[in-house]
Every structure is written in structure tokens, then in C-alpha cells.
Amino acid sequence: MANALVTGASRGIGRATAVELSRRGDRVAVHYGSDAAAADETLGLLEGSGHIVVGGDLADPGAAQRVVAEVLDAFGHVDLLVNNAAIAPSPATEHAIGEVSYERWTQVWEQMLDLDLRGPANVTFLVAEALIAQGRPGSIVNVGSRGAFRGEPEYPAYGAAKAGLHAFGQSMAVALAPHGIAVTSVAPGFVGTERQESRLAGSEGDAVRAQSPFGRVGTPEEVAHAIAFLASPDAQWASGAVLDLNGASHLRT
């Protein structure tokens, strides 16, 4: 049994990952940023016992410290970190250049970089620091995005933050390998989470599904299965990899 911290686990990919890890016997700390009720729902879906819920805005370095400390106090150690918490593209975060004010532009960039890049970096530091001090191996999986490679013209801060997260993960893969800590990333394409239901049901739905030759979008569970594999000891040799999970909707060369 491993002890896992899954950030942003109140819904979507984070929830599916927490459930998948619990099914294989892991003890999971379900992190949420603001929706405690949704995190409690996730907790109720987990198999096994000993799971906990922890809350905090990971854009705040102090909150990140409190979250990791709370998990360490409860579990004693953390073997696995899944950096999933992020501000996702939505009408509320759209900031296409030429269509928003400079004030709005700078505001969204600050918000997305703080949570989508600096947050994972800080949580990674804290978890890795504890693993090194305890002399324990471990795994860290970052949830990036297809947008880091194909571009996000309406959400450039999101694309940049995810590209930075991929690069950060590769840097940490090299830095942490001597300590037995593997670091990988997944780069999902469009995933049919709760937040995307209205978009998929609306006029854009067919066009979004047509991005993949499979004619559909991904599911949170498909991403969770990949994360669970990368987080396993058997996947240590994949450290440094960025795994595309986009249904052949974007092919890197």
C-alpha cells in the first residue's frame, strides 16, 4: 500500500485518479481548493479505509506547506504525488490577445501561473524534501496538457503554464532520480469532465469530438489509468516521459 496525495481531487481527473489509486489499495489524501463538499463526495467513492480530505489554495506557498504538512502528519510519509490542481480553460479565464484589456491579461496570467505552475513546483519540493529526508523512493506525476504542444490561442497563459510544468517535470526527473524518485507527466487532450458537459452538449460539441479520429473525447478514467501506471514502481524507467493522452488529436514530431 502506498500513501498518495492527489491535488485537485474534488472532481474530474483528480477524482478519477483518487478512485483508481484506492482500488489498487493505496491510501489517498484528497485535496481540494475551495469545494469541500465535492471533496467529501470523492472521499465517499474511495475503496478501502484511512483516506483523508485536505483543503487549501495551492497558489499560496503557505497553504501548500500546510497541506503537505497535514498529509505527512496523518500518513507519516507520502509515496506518491499527483499534481492535478489547476485553473482550466473556461469562459471565465479566456484572455485572447486583442480581445481583453491589459489589466485582465495580467490578472489571468498571474492566476494561472500561480496555481498551474508554481503550485505544483512548491508541492513537489515539499513532498520530495520529505522523501529525501526519510530515505524513501517515490513517484510524482504531473497532469499537463495537449495545449502545451499545439498552442492555446484563447488561453495562452494556460498553454504556457502546462508547457512549463512539462519542462519542470523533466528537470525534476533528472534531479530526483539519484534519490529513487521518478517524475513523469501526462498531456491529456479534451477530457469530458463535469465542467465540460455543457460545452459538449452545445453547438461546439460535435467539433470538439471531431478533433480526434475516434470521434469522441477522453474520459477522466482513461487519464486516471495512465496516471496510476506511471505512479507505480514498475514505471520507474519512464521517469522524464511526457505521455500524450489525446486520442490522436494532436501528433508530436
C-alpha atoms as a PDB file:
ATOM      1  CA  MET A   1       0.000   0.000   0.000  1.00  0.00           C
ATOM      2  CA  ALA A   2       1.270   3.449  -0.930  1.00  0.00           C
ATOM      3  CA  ASN A   3       0.284   6.786   0.534  1.00  0.00           C
ATOM      4  CA  ALA A   4      -0.828   9.221  -2.165  1.00  0.00           C
ATOM      5  CA  LEU A   5      -1.606  12.921  -2.330  1.00  0.00           C
ATOM      6  CA  VAL A   6      -3.823  13.859  -5.267  1.00  0.00           C
ATOM      7  CA  THR A   7      -4.273  17.605  -5.676  1.00  0.00           C
ATOM      8  CA  GLY A   8      -7.463  18.956  -7.182  1.00  0.00           C
ATOM      9  CA  ALA A   9      -9.244  15.684  -6.438  1.00  0.00           C
ATOM     10  CA  SER A  10     -12.722  17.050  -5.801  1.00  0.00           C
ATOM     11  CA  ARG A  11     -13.849  16.280  -9.370  1.00  0.00           C
ATOM     12  CA  GLY A  12     -12.771  15.321 -12.882  1.00  0.00           C
ATOM     13  CA  ILE A  13      -9.370  13.762 -13.490  1.00  0.00           C
ATOM     14  CA  GLY A  14      -8.340  14.224  -9.867  1.00  0.00           C
ATOM     15  CA  ARG A  15     -11.392  12.394  -8.555  1.00  0.00           C
ATOM     16  CA  ALA A  16     -10.995   9.557 -11.057  1.00  0.00           C
ATOM     17  CA  THR A  17      -7.328   9.238 -10.099  1.00  0.00           C
ATOM     18  CA  ALA A  18      -8.094   9.120  -6.391  1.00  0.00           C
ATOM     19  CA  VAL A  19     -10.673   6.387  -7.010  1.00  0.00           C
ATOM     20  CA  GLU A  20      -8.289   4.389  -9.212  1.00  0.00           C
ATOM     21  CA  LEU A  21      -5.474   4.571  -6.657  1.00  0.00           C
ATOM     22  CA  SER A  22      -7.802   3.471  -3.870  1.00  0.00           C
ATOM     23  CA  ARG A  23      -8.881   0.458  -5.949  1.00  0.00           C
ATOM     24  CA  ARG A  24      -5.339  -0.812  -6.092  1.00  0.00           C
ATOM     25  CA  GLY A  25      -5.035  -0.453  -2.338  1.00  0.00           C
ATOM     26  CA  ASP A  26      -3.432   2.953  -1.897  1.00  0.00           C
ATOM     27  CA  ARG A  27      -4.356   5.315   0.915  1.00  0.00           C
ATOM     28  CA  VAL A  28      -5.300   8.673  -0.588  1.00  0.00           C
ATOM     29  CA  ALA A  29      -5.264  12.269   0.602  1.00  0.00           C
ATOM     30  CA  VAL A  30      -7.997  14.025  -1.397  1.00  0.00           C
ATOM     31  CA  HIS A  31      -7.017  17.653  -1.858  1.00  0.00           C
ATOM     32  CA  TYR A  32      -9.452  20.417  -2.786  1.00  0.00           C
ATOM     33  CA  GLY A  33      -9.011  24.104  -3.396  1.00  0.00           C
ATOM     34  CA  SER A  34     -12.425  25.514  -2.480  1.00  0.00           C
ATOM     35  CA  ASP A  35     -15.181  22.882  -2.832  1.00  0.00           C
ATOM     36  CA  ALA A  36     -15.102  20.874   0.382  1.00  0.00           C
ATOM     37  CA  ALA A  37     -18.454  19.223  -0.363  1.00  0.00           C
ATOM     38  CA  ALA A  38     -17.216  17.841  -3.681  1.00  0.00           C
ATOM     39  CA  ALA A  39     -14.056  16.561  -1.981  1.00  0.00           C
ATOM     40  CA  ASP A  40     -16.206  14.764   0.569  1.00  0.00           C
ATOM     41  CA  GLU A  41     -18.093  13.173  -2.338  1.00  0.00           C
ATOM     42  CA  THR A  42     -14.789  11.924  -3.719  1.00  0.00           C
ATOM     43  CA  LEU A  43     -13.872  10.554  -0.309  1.00  0.00           C
ATOM     44  CA  GLY A  44     -17.121   8.588  -0.267  1.00  0.00           C
ATOM     45  CA  LEU A  45     -16.233   6.940  -3.582  1.00  0.00           C
ATOM     46  CA  LEU A  46     -12.883   5.587  -2.426  1.00  0.00           C
ATOM     47  CA  GLU A  47     -12.347   1.930  -1.665  1.00  0.00           C
ATOM     48  CA  GLY A  48     -10.585   0.856   1.489  1.00  0.00           C
ATOM     49  CA  SER A  49     -10.014   2.959   4.576  1.00  0.00           C
ATOM     50  CA  GLY A  50      -7.707   5.556   6.067  1.00  0.00           C
ATOM     51  CA  HIS A  51      -8.264   8.190   3.379  1.00  0.00           C
ATOM     52  CA  ILE A  52      -8.397  11.871   4.299  1.00  0.00           C
ATOM     53  CA  VAL A  53      -9.510  15.215   2.857  1.00  0.00           C
ATOM     54  CA  VAL A  54      -7.221  18.254   2.909  1.00  0.00           C
ATOM     55  CA  GLY A  55      -8.036  21.746   1.701  1.00  0.00           C
ATOM     56  CA  GLY A  56      -6.008  24.759   0.658  1.00  0.00           C
ATOM     57  CA  ASP A  57      -5.283  27.139  -2.192  1.00  0.00           C
ATOM     58  CA  LEU A  58      -2.026  25.811  -3.623  1.00  0.00           C
ATOM     59  CA  ALA A  59      -1.379  29.129  -5.357  1.00  0.00           C
ATOM     60  CA  ASP A  60      -0.426  30.301  -1.846  1.00  0.00           C
ATOM     61  CA  PRO A  61       3.003  28.927  -0.852  1.00  0.00           C
ATOM     62  CA  GLY A  62       1.995  28.941   2.804  1.00  0.00           C
ATOM     63  CA  ALA A  63      -1.142  26.952   2.079  1.00  0.00           C
ATOM     64  CA  ALA A  64       0.916  24.435   0.113  1.00  0.00           C
ATOM     65  CA  GLN A  65       3.130  23.940   3.172  1.00  0.00           C
ATOM     66  CA  ARG A  66       0.089  23.436   5.403  1.00  0.00           C
ATOM     67  CA  VAL A  67      -1.472  20.894   3.025  1.00  0.00           C
ATOM     68  CA  VAL A  68       1.665  18.773   2.755  1.00  0.00           C
ATOM     69  CA  ALA A  69       2.315  19.006   6.495  1.00  0.00           C
ATOM     70  CA  GLU A  70      -1.239  17.864   7.217  1.00  0.00           C
ATOM     71  CA  VAL A  71      -0.860  14.848   4.947  1.00  0.00           C
ATOM     72  CA  LEU A  72       2.512  13.938   6.462  1.00  0.00           C
ATOM     73  CA  ASP A  73       1.055  14.239   9.960  1.00  0.00           C
ATOM     74  CA  ALA A  74      -1.805  11.909   9.026  1.00  0.00           C
ATOM     75  CA  PHE A  75       0.112   9.350   6.939  1.00  0.00           C
ATOM     76  CA  GLY A  76       3.665   9.597   8.228  1.00  0.00           C
ATOM     77  CA  HIS A  77       5.021   9.649   4.681  1.00  0.00           C
ATOM     78  CA  VAL A  78       3.864  10.300   1.117  1.00  0.00           C
ATOM     79  CA  ASP A  79       4.986   7.840  -1.553  1.00  0.00           C
ATOM     80  CA  LEU A  80       3.089   9.311  -4.462  1.00  0.00           C
ATOM     81  CA  LEU A  81       2.148  12.824  -5.542  1.00  0.00           C
ATOM     82  CA  VAL A  82      -0.237  13.622  -8.389  1.00  0.00           C
ATOM     83  CA  ASN A  83      -0.073  17.314  -9.307  1.00  0.00           C
ATOM     84  CA  ASN A  84      -3.517  17.807 -10.836  1.00  0.00           C
ATOM     85  CA  ALA A  85      -4.885  21.035  -9.311  1.00  0.00           C
ATOM     86  CA  ALA A  86      -5.143  23.770 -11.928  1.00  0.00           C
ATOM     87  CA  ILE A  87      -7.239  26.575 -13.342  1.00  0.00           C
ATOM     88  CA  ALA A  88      -8.667  25.102 -16.532  1.00  0.00           C
ATOM     89  CA  PRO A  89      -9.673  26.985 -19.683  1.00  0.00           C
ATOM     90  CA  SER A  90     -13.232  28.290 -19.440  1.00  0.00           C
ATOM     91  CA  PRO A  91     -15.192  31.388 -20.464  1.00  0.00           C
ATOM     92  CA  ALA A  92     -14.157  32.882 -17.124  1.00  0.00           C
ATOM     93  CA  THR A  93     -10.448  32.551 -17.933  1.00  0.00           C
ATOM     94  CA  GLU A  94     -10.442  33.362 -21.658  1.00  0.00           C
ATOM     95  CA  HIS A  95      -7.845  36.030 -22.449  1.00  0.00           C
ATOM     96  CA  ALA A  96      -7.238  36.122 -26.193  1.00  0.00           C
ATOM     97  CA  ILE A  97      -4.808  38.878 -27.090  1.00  0.00           C
ATOM     98  CA  GLY A  98      -6.526  41.822 -28.765  1.00  0.00           C
ATOM     99  CA  GLU A  99      -9.832  40.958 -27.084  1.00  0.00           C
ATOM    100  CA  VAL A 100      -9.144  41.695 -23.421  1.00  0.00           C
ATOM    101  CA  SER A 101      -7.735  44.628 -21.508  1.00  0.00           C
ATOM    102  CA  TYR A 102      -4.155  44.669 -20.291  1.00  0.00           C
ATOM    103  CA  GLU A 103      -5.471  44.553 -16.732  1.00  0.00           C
ATOM    104  CA  ARG A 104      -7.422  41.371 -17.480  1.00  0.00           C
ATOM    105  CA  TRP A 105      -4.444  39.897 -19.354  1.00  0.00           C
ATOM    106  CA  THR A 106      -2.061  40.331 -16.432  1.00  0.00           C
ATOM    107  CA  GLN A 107      -4.648  39.112 -13.934  1.00  0.00           C
ATOM    108  CA  VAL A 108      -5.255  35.801 -15.704  1.00  0.00           C
ATOM    109  CA  TRP A 109      -1.541  35.217 -16.305  1.00  0.00           C
ATOM    110  CA  GLU A 110      -0.834  35.686 -12.615  1.00  0.00           C
ATOM    111  CA  GLN A 111      -3.684  33.384 -11.553  1.00  0.00           C
ATOM    112  CA  MET A 112      -2.783  30.584 -13.939  1.00  0.00           C
ATOM    113  CA  LEU A 113       0.955  30.662 -13.359  1.00  0.00           C
ATOM    114  CA  ASP A 114       0.456  30.733  -9.584  1.00  0.00           C
ATOM    115  CA  LEU A 115      -1.764  27.646  -9.478  1.00  0.00           C
ATOM    116  CA  ASP A 116      -0.904  25.718 -12.640  1.00  0.00           C
ATOM    117  CA  LEU A 117       2.892  26.015 -12.417  1.00  0.00           C
ATOM    118  CA  ARG A 118       4.170  27.483  -9.160  1.00  0.00           C
ATOM    119  CA  GLY A 119       1.712  25.442  -7.112  1.00  0.00           C
ATOM    120  CA  PRO A 120       2.893  22.067  -8.444  1.00  0.00           C
ATOM    121  CA  ALA A 121       6.507  23.198  -8.166  1.00  0.00           C
ATOM    122  CA  ASN A 122       6.063  24.061  -4.493  1.00  0.00           C
ATOM    123  CA  VAL A 123       4.164  20.888  -3.612  1.00  0.00           C
ATOM    124  CA  THR A 124       6.770  18.830  -5.471  1.00  0.00           C
ATOM    125  CA  PHE A 125       9.545  20.495  -3.464  1.00  0.00           C
ATOM    126  CA  LEU A 126       7.806  19.762  -0.168  1.00  0.00           C
ATOM    127  CA  VAL A 127       6.960  16.127  -0.945  1.00  0.00           C
ATOM    128  CA  ALA A 128      10.393  15.429  -2.440  1.00  0.00           C
ATOM    129  CA  GLU A 129      12.077  17.073   0.539  1.00  0.00           C
ATOM    130  CA  ALA A 130      10.219  14.723   2.883  1.00  0.00           C
ATOM    131  CA  LEU A 131      11.010  11.647   0.775  1.00  0.00           C
ATOM    132  CA  ILE A 132      14.711  12.515   0.665  1.00  0.00           C
ATOM    133  CA  ALA A 133      14.840  13.158   4.414  1.00  0.00           C
ATOM    134  CA  GLN A 134      13.172   9.792   5.073  1.00  0.00           C
ATOM    135  CA  GLY A 135      15.312   7.975   2.518  1.00  0.00           C
ATOM    136  CA  ARG A 136      12.245   6.686   0.702  1.00  0.00           C
ATOM    137  CA  PRO A 137      11.693   6.211  -3.052  1.00  0.00           C
ATOM    138  CA  GLY A 138       8.592   7.702  -4.626  1.00  0.00           C
ATOM    139  CA  SER A 139       6.707   8.825  -7.694  1.00  0.00           C
ATOM    140  CA  ILE A 140       5.455  12.195  -8.876  1.00  0.00           C
ATOM    141  CA  VAL A 141       3.039  12.541 -11.790  1.00  0.00           C
ATOM    142  CA  ASN A 142       2.181  15.947 -13.245  1.00  0.00           C
ATOM    143  CA  VAL A 143      -1.052  16.496 -15.153  1.00  0.00           C
ATOM    144  CA  GLY A 144      -0.097  18.681 -18.090  1.00  0.00           C
ATOM    145  CA  SER A 145      -1.961  19.278 -21.336  1.00  0.00           C
ATOM    146  CA  ARG A 146      -2.011  18.808 -25.089  1.00  0.00           C
ATOM    147  CA  GLY A 147      -2.241  22.606 -25.185  1.00  0.00           C
ATOM    148  CA  ALA A 148       1.417  22.829 -24.205  1.00  0.00           C
ATOM    149  CA  PHE A 149       2.307  21.466 -27.648  1.00  0.00           C
ATOM    150  CA  ARG A 150      -0.396  22.636 -30.040  1.00  0.00           C
ATOM    151  CA  GLY A 151      -0.915  26.098 -28.512  1.00  0.00           C
ATOM    152  CA  GLU A 152      -3.853  27.728 -26.738  1.00  0.00           C
ATOM    153  CA  PRO A 153      -4.555  30.997 -28.590  1.00  0.00           C
ATOM    154  CA  GLU A 154      -7.545  31.862 -26.407  1.00  0.00           C
ATOM    155  CA  TYR A 155      -5.803  30.730 -23.209  1.00  0.00           C
ATOM    156  CA  PRO A 156      -2.098  31.410 -23.744  1.00  0.00           C
ATOM    157  CA  ALA A 157      -1.302  31.511 -20.031  1.00  0.00           C
ATOM    158  CA  TYR A 158      -2.715  28.004 -19.659  1.00  0.00           C
ATOM    159  CA  GLY A 159      -0.652  26.659 -22.555  1.00  0.00           C
ATOM    160  CA  ALA A 160       2.476  28.334 -21.205  1.00  0.00           C
ATOM    161  CA  ALA A 161       1.900  27.074 -17.659  1.00  0.00           C
ATOM    162  CA  LYS A 162       1.409  23.496 -18.843  1.00  0.00           C
ATOM    163  CA  ALA A 163       4.478  23.669 -21.082  1.00  0.00           C
ATOM    164  CA  GLY A 164       6.394  24.904 -18.069  1.00  0.00           C
ATOM    165  CA  LEU A 165       5.003  22.057 -15.983  1.00  0.00           C
ATOM    166  CA  HIS A 166       6.227  19.500 -18.525  1.00  0.00           C
ATOM    167  CA  ALA A 167       9.686  21.073 -18.521  1.00  0.00           C
ATOM    168  CA  PHE A 168       9.707  21.294 -14.738  1.00  0.00           C
ATOM    169  CA  GLY A 169       8.831  17.606 -14.512  1.00  0.00           C
ATOM    170  CA  GLN A 170      11.737  16.666 -16.752  1.00  0.00           C
ATOM    171  CA  SER A 171      14.116  18.782 -14.696  1.00  0.00           C
ATOM    172  CA  MET A 172      12.906  17.061 -11.532  1.00  0.00           C
ATOM    173  CA  ALA A 173      13.222  13.634 -13.178  1.00  0.00           C
ATOM    174  CA  VAL A 174      16.958  14.237 -13.531  1.00  0.00           C
ATOM    175  CA  ALA A 175      17.347  15.907 -10.138  1.00  0.00           C
ATOM    176  CA  LEU A 176      15.419  13.313  -8.142  1.00  0.00           C
ATOM    177  CA  ALA A 177      16.480  10.070  -9.837  1.00  0.00           C
ATOM    178  CA  PRO A 178      19.523   9.687  -7.529  1.00  0.00           C
ATOM    179  CA  HIS A 179      17.033   9.601  -4.649  1.00  0.00           C
ATOM    180  CA  GLY A 180      14.898   6.904  -6.247  1.00  0.00           C
ATOM    181  CA  ILE A 181      12.078   9.321  -7.087  1.00  0.00           C
ATOM    182  CA  ALA A 182      10.541   9.042 -10.562  1.00  0.00           C
ATOM    183  CA  VAL A 183       8.825  12.037 -12.178  1.00  0.00           C
ATOM    184  CA  THR A 184       6.551  11.809 -15.204  1.00  0.00           C
ATOM    185  CA  SER A 185       3.811  13.857 -16.854  1.00  0.00           C
ATOM    186  CA  VAL A 186       0.639  13.157 -18.792  1.00  0.00           C
ATOM    187  CA  ALA A 187      -0.620  15.507 -21.501  1.00  0.00           C
ATOM    188  CA  PRO A 188      -4.363  14.935 -21.950  1.00  0.00           C
ATOM    189  CA  GLY A 189      -6.372  16.323 -24.820  1.00  0.00           C
ATOM    190  CA  PHE A 190     -10.015  17.285 -24.341  1.00  0.00           C
ATOM    191  CA  VAL A 191     -11.483  15.292 -21.451  1.00  0.00           C
ATOM    192  CA  GLY A 192     -15.192  15.001 -20.755  1.00  0.00           C
ATOM    193  CA  THR A 193     -15.216  16.185 -17.147  1.00  0.00           C
ATOM    194  CA  GLU A 194     -18.193  17.644 -15.312  1.00  0.00           C
ATOM    195  CA  ARG A 195     -17.040  21.151 -16.173  1.00  0.00           C
ATOM    196  CA  GLN A 196     -17.181  20.381 -19.897  1.00  0.00           C
ATOM    197  CA  GLU A 197     -20.641  18.806 -20.004  1.00  0.00           C
ATOM    198  CA  SER A 198     -22.430  21.942 -21.204  1.00  0.00           C
ATOM    199  CA  ARG A 199     -19.860  22.588 -23.922  1.00  0.00           C
ATOM    200  CA  LEU A 200     -20.065  19.038 -25.209  1.00  0.00           C
ATOM    201  CA  ALA A 201     -23.856  19.170 -25.188  1.00  0.00           C
ATOM    202  CA  GLY A 202     -23.942  22.516 -27.030  1.00  0.00           C
ATOM    203  CA  SER A 203     -23.189  23.715 -30.537  1.00  0.00           C
ATOM    204  CA  GLU A 204     -19.431  23.124 -30.107  1.00  0.00           C
ATOM    205  CA  GLY A 205     -19.800  19.502 -29.079  1.00  0.00           C
ATOM    206  CA  ASP A 206     -19.519  17.868 -32.488  1.00  0.00           C
ATOM    207  CA  ALA A 207     -16.488  19.966 -33.433  1.00  0.00           C
ATOM    208  CA  VAL A 208     -14.732  19.080 -30.178  1.00  0.00           C
ATOM    209  CA  ARG A 209     -15.378  15.365 -30.666  1.00  0.00           C
ATOM    210  CA  ALA A 210     -14.191  15.595 -34.266  1.00  0.00           C
ATOM    211  CA  GLN A 211     -10.735  16.705 -33.090  1.00  0.00           C
ATOM    212  CA  SER A 212      -9.964  13.022 -32.557  1.00  0.00           C
ATOM    213  CA  PRO A 213     -10.276  10.429 -35.342  1.00  0.00           C
ATOM    214  CA  PHE A 214     -12.048   8.281 -32.766  1.00  0.00           C
ATOM    215  CA  GLY A 215     -14.884  10.808 -32.871  1.00  0.00           C
ATOM    216  CA  ARG A 216     -15.068  11.300 -29.128  1.00  0.00           C
ATOM    217  CA  VAL A 217     -13.347  12.946 -26.196  1.00  0.00           C
ATOM    218  CA  GLY A 218     -11.347  11.279 -23.483  1.00  0.00           C
ATOM    219  CA  THR A 219     -12.699  10.233 -20.116  1.00  0.00           C
ATOM    220  CA  PRO A 220     -11.278  11.061 -16.682  1.00  0.00           C
ATOM    221  CA  GLU A 221     -10.953   7.335 -16.056  1.00  0.00           C
ATOM    222  CA  GLU A 222      -8.705   6.840 -19.096  1.00  0.00           C
ATOM    223  CA  VAL A 223      -6.343   9.513 -17.810  1.00  0.00           C
ATOM    224  CA  ALA A 224      -6.513   8.070 -14.303  1.00  0.00           C
ATOM    225  CA  HIS A 225      -5.489   4.608 -15.531  1.00  0.00           C
ATOM    226  CA  ALA A 226      -2.396   6.100 -17.172  1.00  0.00           C
ATOM    227  CA  ILE A 227      -1.522   8.099 -14.065  1.00  0.00           C
ATOM    228  CA  ALA A 228      -1.863   5.016 -11.888  1.00  0.00           C
ATOM    229  CA  PHE A 229       0.564   3.099 -14.098  1.00  0.00           C
ATOM    230  CA  LEU A 230       3.116   5.916 -14.163  1.00  0.00           C
ATOM    231  CA  ALA A 231       2.823   6.177 -10.402  1.00  0.00           C
ATOM    232  CA  SER A 232       3.661   2.510  -9.903  1.00  0.00           C
ATOM    233  CA  PRO A 233       7.154   1.202  -9.092  1.00  0.00           C
ATOM    234  CA  ASP A 234       7.055  -0.756 -12.371  1.00  0.00           C
ATOM    235  CA  ALA A 235       7.090   2.536 -14.293  1.00  0.00           C
ATOM    236  CA  GLN A 236      10.245   3.982 -12.743  1.00  0.00           C
ATOM    237  CA  TRP A 237      12.113   3.657 -16.064  1.00  0.00           C
ATOM    238  CA  ALA A 238       9.564   6.006 -17.663  1.00  0.00           C
ATOM    239  CA  SER A 239      10.855   8.856 -15.495  1.00  0.00           C
ATOM    240  CA  GLY A 240      11.196  12.021 -17.550  1.00  0.00           C
ATOM    241  CA  ALA A 241       8.491  10.995 -20.023  1.00  0.00           C
ATOM    242  CA  VAL A 242       5.544  13.131 -21.101  1.00  0.00           C
ATOM    243  CA  LEU A 243       2.730  10.799 -22.164  1.00  0.00           C
ATOM    244  CA  ASP A 244       0.245  12.069 -24.762  1.00  0.00           C
ATOM    245  CA  LEU A 245      -3.363  11.084 -23.998  1.00  0.00           C
ATOM    246  CA  ASN A 246      -5.326  12.815 -26.730  1.00  0.00           C
ATOM    247  CA  GLY A 247      -6.838  10.176 -28.993  1.00  0.00           C
ATOM    248  CA  ALA A 248      -4.500  11.097 -31.887  1.00  0.00           C
ATOM    249  CA  SER A 249      -5.994  14.594 -31.969  1.00  0.00           C
ATOM    250  CA  HIS A 250      -2.505  16.102 -31.935  1.00  0.00           C
ATOM    251  CA  LEU A 251       0.625  14.258 -33.000  1.00  0.00           C
ATOM    252  CA  ARG A 252       4.023  15.498 -31.913  1.00  0.00           C
ATOM    253  CA  THR A 253       7.069  15.046 -34.137  1.00  0.00           C
END
